[in-house]
Amino acid sequence: MGEKTITSTWLGGMAFGTDLDGHQIIIDAAPEFGGADRGPRPKPLMLVALAGCTGIDVVSILQKMRIAVEGFKIIVKGYLTDEHPKEFVKIHLIYEFKGKGLPQEKLRRAVELSQERYCGVSATYKKALELTWEIKIKED
């Protein structure tokens, strides 16, 4: 079993700094909750981690398939409970590809491989919440 350890250091106020793989990340609360807005909030970073994990998978798979896209973005919608602890109960991913004549079946297969086999963030989240996805293709 592999292990990944990080250390977050309190920077004062509500801010914490973390060195992650040589990159400094500061997490802070919004001013209305005592923070100074020095960095993003923790829960949205969960959505960023998911987008990054599956996005890297999909790009890698498409490259192996020799599918060239003009553009690619992932829109991640997280749905939180209204009561504390406010937690995600559903996340929906929209994979948006741009390009002419893109093979829909291969795009779908790349996303399926990421979601069903490779993306560890998706696999972890699926144990705790509903995770859905769709593909959109823009040809302009």
C-alpha atoms as a PDB file:
ATOM      1  CA  MET A   1       0.000   0.000   0.000  1.00  0.00           C
ATOM      2  CA  GLY A   2       1.359   3.403  -0.962  1.00  0.00           C
ATOM      3  CA  GLU A   3       1.375   6.398   1.306  1.00  0.00           C
ATOM      4  CA  LYS A   4       1.248  10.134   0.679  1.00  0.00           C
ATOM      5  CA  THR A   5       1.867  12.553   3.534  1.00  0.00           C
ATOM      6  CA  ILE A   6       1.513  16.323   3.541  1.00  0.00           C
ATOM      7  CA  THR A   7       1.922  18.846   6.330  1.00  0.00           C
ATOM      8  CA  SER A   8      -0.165  22.009   6.567  1.00  0.00           C
ATOM      9  CA  THR A   9       1.205  24.784   8.765  1.00  0.00           C
ATOM     10  CA  TRP A  10      -0.993  27.411  10.346  1.00  0.00           C
ATOM     11  CA  LEU A  11      -0.068  30.852   8.993  1.00  0.00           C
ATOM     12  CA  GLY A  12      -2.241  32.866  11.379  1.00  0.00           C
ATOM     13  CA  GLY A  13      -5.876  33.829  11.109  1.00  0.00           C
ATOM     14  CA  MET A  14      -7.599  30.984   9.276  1.00  0.00           C
ATOM     15  CA  ALA A  15      -4.825  30.369   6.709  1.00  0.00           C
ATOM     16  CA  PHE A  16      -2.764  27.215   6.307  1.00  0.00           C
ATOM     17  CA  GLY A  17       0.224  26.748   4.020  1.00  0.00           C
ATOM     18  CA  THR A  18       1.183  23.437   2.470  1.00  0.00           C
ATOM     19  CA  ASP A  19       4.207  22.499   0.410  1.00  0.00           C
ATOM     20  CA  LEU A  20       2.912  19.938  -2.075  1.00  0.00           C
ATOM     21  CA  ASP A  21       5.445  18.404  -4.424  1.00  0.00           C
ATOM     22  CA  GLY A  22       7.461  21.627  -4.345  1.00  0.00           C
ATOM     23  CA  HIS A  23       4.450  23.882  -4.877  1.00  0.00           C
ATOM     24  CA  GLN A  24       3.177  26.189  -2.141  1.00  0.00           C
ATOM     25  CA  ILE A  25      -0.573  26.118  -1.609  1.00  0.00           C
ATOM     26  CA  ILE A  26      -2.322  28.433   0.819  1.00  0.00           C
ATOM     27  CA  ILE A  27      -5.838  27.590   1.972  1.00  0.00           C
ATOM     28  CA  ASP A  28      -7.883  30.228   3.774  1.00  0.00           C
ATOM     29  CA  ALA A  29     -11.420  31.017   4.853  1.00  0.00           C
ATOM     30  CA  ALA A  30     -13.548  33.783   3.406  1.00  0.00           C
ATOM     31  CA  PRO A  31     -13.455  37.094   5.295  1.00  0.00           C
ATOM     32  CA  GLU A  32     -16.984  36.570   6.610  1.00  0.00           C
ATOM     33  CA  PHE A  33     -15.674  33.452   8.381  1.00  0.00           C
ATOM     34  CA  GLY A  34     -12.558  35.082   9.842  1.00  0.00           C
ATOM     35  CA  GLY A  35     -10.200  34.516   6.932  1.00  0.00           C
ATOM     36  CA  ALA A  36      -8.256  36.979   4.836  1.00  0.00           C
ATOM     37  CA  ASP A  37      -8.962  35.358   1.437  1.00  0.00           C
ATOM     38  CA  ARG A  38      -5.281  34.429   1.020  1.00  0.00           C
ATOM     39  CA  GLY A  39      -6.170  31.292  -0.906  1.00  0.00           C
ATOM     40  CA  PRO A  40      -8.966  28.978  -1.999  1.00  0.00           C
ATOM     41  CA  ARG A  41     -11.328  27.162   0.353  1.00  0.00           C
ATOM     42  CA  PRO A  42     -10.779  23.456   1.074  1.00  0.00           C
ATOM     43  CA  LYS A  43     -13.969  21.939  -0.376  1.00  0.00           C
ATOM     44  CA  PRO A  44     -13.637  23.489  -3.852  1.00  0.00           C
ATOM     45  CA  LEU A  45     -10.108  22.066  -3.972  1.00  0.00           C
ATOM     46  CA  MET A  46     -11.744  18.644  -3.829  1.00  0.00           C
ATOM     47  CA  LEU A  47     -13.385  19.498  -7.149  1.00  0.00           C
ATOM     48  CA  VAL A  48     -10.065  20.729  -8.548  1.00  0.00           C
ATOM     49  CA  ALA A  49      -8.402  17.443  -7.564  1.00  0.00           C
ATOM     50  CA  LEU A  50     -11.108  15.489  -9.376  1.00  0.00           C
ATOM     51  CA  ALA A  51     -10.861  17.606 -12.542  1.00  0.00           C
ATOM     52  CA  GLY A  52      -7.082  17.332 -12.579  1.00  0.00           C
ATOM     53  CA  CYS A  53      -7.037  13.580 -12.004  1.00  0.00           C
ATOM     54  CA  THR A  54      -9.584  12.647 -14.652  1.00  0.00           C
ATOM     55  CA  GLY A  55      -8.368  15.343 -17.058  1.00  0.00           C
ATOM     56  CA  ILE A  56      -4.807  14.016 -17.039  1.00  0.00           C
ATOM     57  CA  ASP A  57      -6.160  10.497 -17.630  1.00  0.00           C
ATOM     58  CA  VAL A  58      -8.346  11.536 -20.550  1.00  0.00           C
ATOM     59  CA  VAL A  59      -5.586  13.534 -22.267  1.00  0.00           C
ATOM     60  CA  SER A  60      -3.163  10.634 -21.872  1.00  0.00           C
ATOM     61  CA  ILE A  61      -5.678   8.102 -23.231  1.00  0.00           C
ATOM     62  CA  LEU A  62      -6.606  10.315 -26.190  1.00  0.00           C
ATOM     63  CA  GLN A  63      -2.923  10.767 -27.033  1.00  0.00           C
ATOM     64  CA  LYS A  64      -2.488   6.980 -27.059  1.00  0.00           C
ATOM     65  CA  MET A  65      -5.543   6.727 -29.327  1.00  0.00           C
ATOM     66  CA  ARG A  66      -3.999   9.412 -31.542  1.00  0.00           C
ATOM     67  CA  ILE A  67      -7.051  11.624 -31.161  1.00  0.00           C
ATOM     68  CA  ALA A  68      -6.212  15.323 -31.437  1.00  0.00           C
ATOM     69  CA  VAL A  69      -8.648  17.770 -29.912  1.00  0.00           C
ATOM     70  CA  GLU A  70      -8.510  21.542 -30.393  1.00  0.00           C
ATOM     71  CA  GLY A  71      -9.673  22.192 -26.860  1.00  0.00           C
ATOM     72  CA  PHE A  72     -10.728  20.335 -23.740  1.00  0.00           C
ATOM     73  CA  LYS A  73     -12.176  21.506 -20.459  1.00  0.00           C
ATOM     74  CA  ILE A  74     -13.907  19.897 -17.539  1.00  0.00           C
ATOM     75  CA  ILE A  75     -16.711  21.616 -15.685  1.00  0.00           C
ATOM     76  CA  VAL A  76     -17.239  20.174 -12.203  1.00  0.00           C
ATOM     77  CA  LYS A  77     -20.461  20.834 -10.307  1.00  0.00           C
ATOM     78  CA  GLY A  78     -20.496  19.889  -6.653  1.00  0.00           C
ATOM     79  CA  TYR A  79     -23.770  19.718  -4.734  1.00  0.00           C
ATOM     80  CA  LEU A  80     -23.525  20.372  -0.983  1.00  0.00           C
ATOM     81  CA  THR A  81     -25.941  19.657   1.837  1.00  0.00           C
ATOM     82  CA  ASP A  82     -27.587  22.666   3.472  1.00  0.00           C
ATOM     83  CA  GLU A  83     -26.842  21.466   7.013  1.00  0.00           C
ATOM     84  CA  HIS A  84     -23.514  21.128   8.798  1.00  0.00           C
ATOM     85  CA  PRO A  85     -21.277  19.437   8.143  1.00  0.00           C
ATOM     86  CA  LYS A  86     -21.827  20.779   4.630  1.00  0.00           C
ATOM     87  CA  GLU A  87     -20.658  17.895   2.511  1.00  0.00           C
ATOM     88  CA  PHE A  88     -20.794  16.976  -1.142  1.00  0.00           C
ATOM     89  CA  VAL A  89     -23.561  14.488  -1.866  1.00  0.00           C
ATOM     90  CA  LYS A  90     -23.259  14.601  -5.642  1.00  0.00           C
ATOM     91  CA  ILE A  91     -20.658  15.699  -8.172  1.00  0.00           C
ATOM     92  CA  HIS A  92     -21.380  16.039 -11.880  1.00  0.00           C
ATOM     93  CA  LEU A  93     -18.598  16.322 -14.470  1.00  0.00           C
ATOM     94  CA  ILE A  94     -19.063  17.813 -17.913  1.00  0.00           C
ATOM     95  CA  TYR A  95     -16.255  16.884 -20.306  1.00  0.00           C
ATOM     96  CA  GLU A  96     -16.305  19.494 -23.051  1.00  0.00           C
ATOM     97  CA  PHE A  97     -14.249  18.763 -26.153  1.00  0.00           C
ATOM     98  CA  LYS A  98     -13.666  21.125 -29.057  1.00  0.00           C
ATOM     99  CA  GLY A  99     -12.766  20.003 -32.552  1.00  0.00           C
ATOM    100  CA  LYS A 100     -14.124  18.973 -35.920  1.00  0.00           C
ATOM    101  CA  GLY A 101     -15.054  15.384 -36.659  1.00  0.00           C
ATOM    102  CA  LEU A 102     -14.122  14.073 -33.229  1.00  0.00           C
ATOM    103  CA  PRO A 103     -14.954  10.370 -32.818  1.00  0.00           C
ATOM    104  CA  GLN A 104     -17.633  10.366 -30.114  1.00  0.00           C
ATOM    105  CA  GLU A 105     -17.186   6.686 -29.285  1.00  0.00           C
ATOM    106  CA  LYS A 106     -13.464   7.144 -28.607  1.00  0.00           C
ATOM    107  CA  LEU A 107     -14.046  10.228 -26.476  1.00  0.00           C
ATOM    108  CA  ARG A 108     -16.606   8.253 -24.459  1.00  0.00           C
ATOM    109  CA  ARG A 109     -14.191   5.340 -24.094  1.00  0.00           C
ATOM    110  CA  ALA A 110     -11.424   7.643 -22.840  1.00  0.00           C
ATOM    111  CA  VAL A 111     -13.745   9.117 -20.208  1.00  0.00           C
ATOM    112  CA  GLU A 112     -15.047   5.666 -19.221  1.00  0.00           C
ATOM    113  CA  LEU A 113     -11.501   4.360 -18.767  1.00  0.00           C
ATOM    114  CA  SER A 114     -10.663   7.303 -16.533  1.00  0.00           C
ATOM    115  CA  GLN A 115     -13.842   6.949 -14.480  1.00  0.00           C
ATOM    116  CA  GLU A 116     -13.878   3.165 -14.223  1.00  0.00           C
ATOM    117  CA  ARG A 117     -10.203   2.253 -14.068  1.00  0.00           C
ATOM    118  CA  TYR A 118      -7.605   4.987 -13.654  1.00  0.00           C
ATOM    119  CA  CYS A 119      -8.762   8.045 -11.694  1.00  0.00           C
ATOM    120  CA  GLY A 120      -8.118   7.411  -8.015  1.00  0.00           C
ATOM    121  CA  VAL A 121      -9.905  10.592  -6.989  1.00  0.00           C
ATOM    122  CA  SER A 122     -13.081   9.442  -8.759  1.00  0.00           C
ATOM    123  CA  ALA A 123     -12.786   5.994  -7.197  1.00  0.00           C
ATOM    124  CA  THR A 124     -12.456   7.519  -3.727  1.00  0.00           C
ATOM    125  CA  TYR A 125     -15.332   9.948  -4.168  1.00  0.00           C
ATOM    126  CA  LYS A 126     -17.652   7.257  -5.590  1.00  0.00           C
ATOM    127  CA  LYS A 127     -17.450   5.483  -2.228  1.00  0.00           C
ATOM    128  CA  ALA A 128     -18.957   8.537  -0.523  1.00  0.00           C
ATOM    129  CA  LEU A 129     -21.239  10.257  -3.029  1.00  0.00           C
ATOM    130  CA  GLU A 130     -23.006  10.079  -6.368  1.00  0.00           C
ATOM    131  CA  LEU A 131     -20.641  10.887  -9.249  1.00  0.00           C
ATOM    132  CA  THR A 132     -22.100  11.417 -12.730  1.00  0.00           C
ATOM    133  CA  TRP A 133     -20.680  12.672 -16.011  1.00  0.00           C
ATOM    134  CA  GLU A 134     -21.516  13.685 -19.553  1.00  0.00           C
ATOM    135  CA  ILE A 135     -19.676  14.622 -22.715  1.00  0.00           C
ATOM    136  CA  LYS A 136     -20.278  17.697 -24.853  1.00  0.00           C
ATOM    137  CA  ILE A 137     -18.626  18.352 -28.203  1.00  0.00           C
ATOM    138  CA  LYS A 138     -18.260  21.814 -29.715  1.00  0.00           C
ATOM    139  CA  GLU A 139     -17.323  21.883 -33.374  1.00  0.00           C
ATOM    140  CA  ASP A 140     -16.856  25.654 -33.769  1.00  0.00           C
END
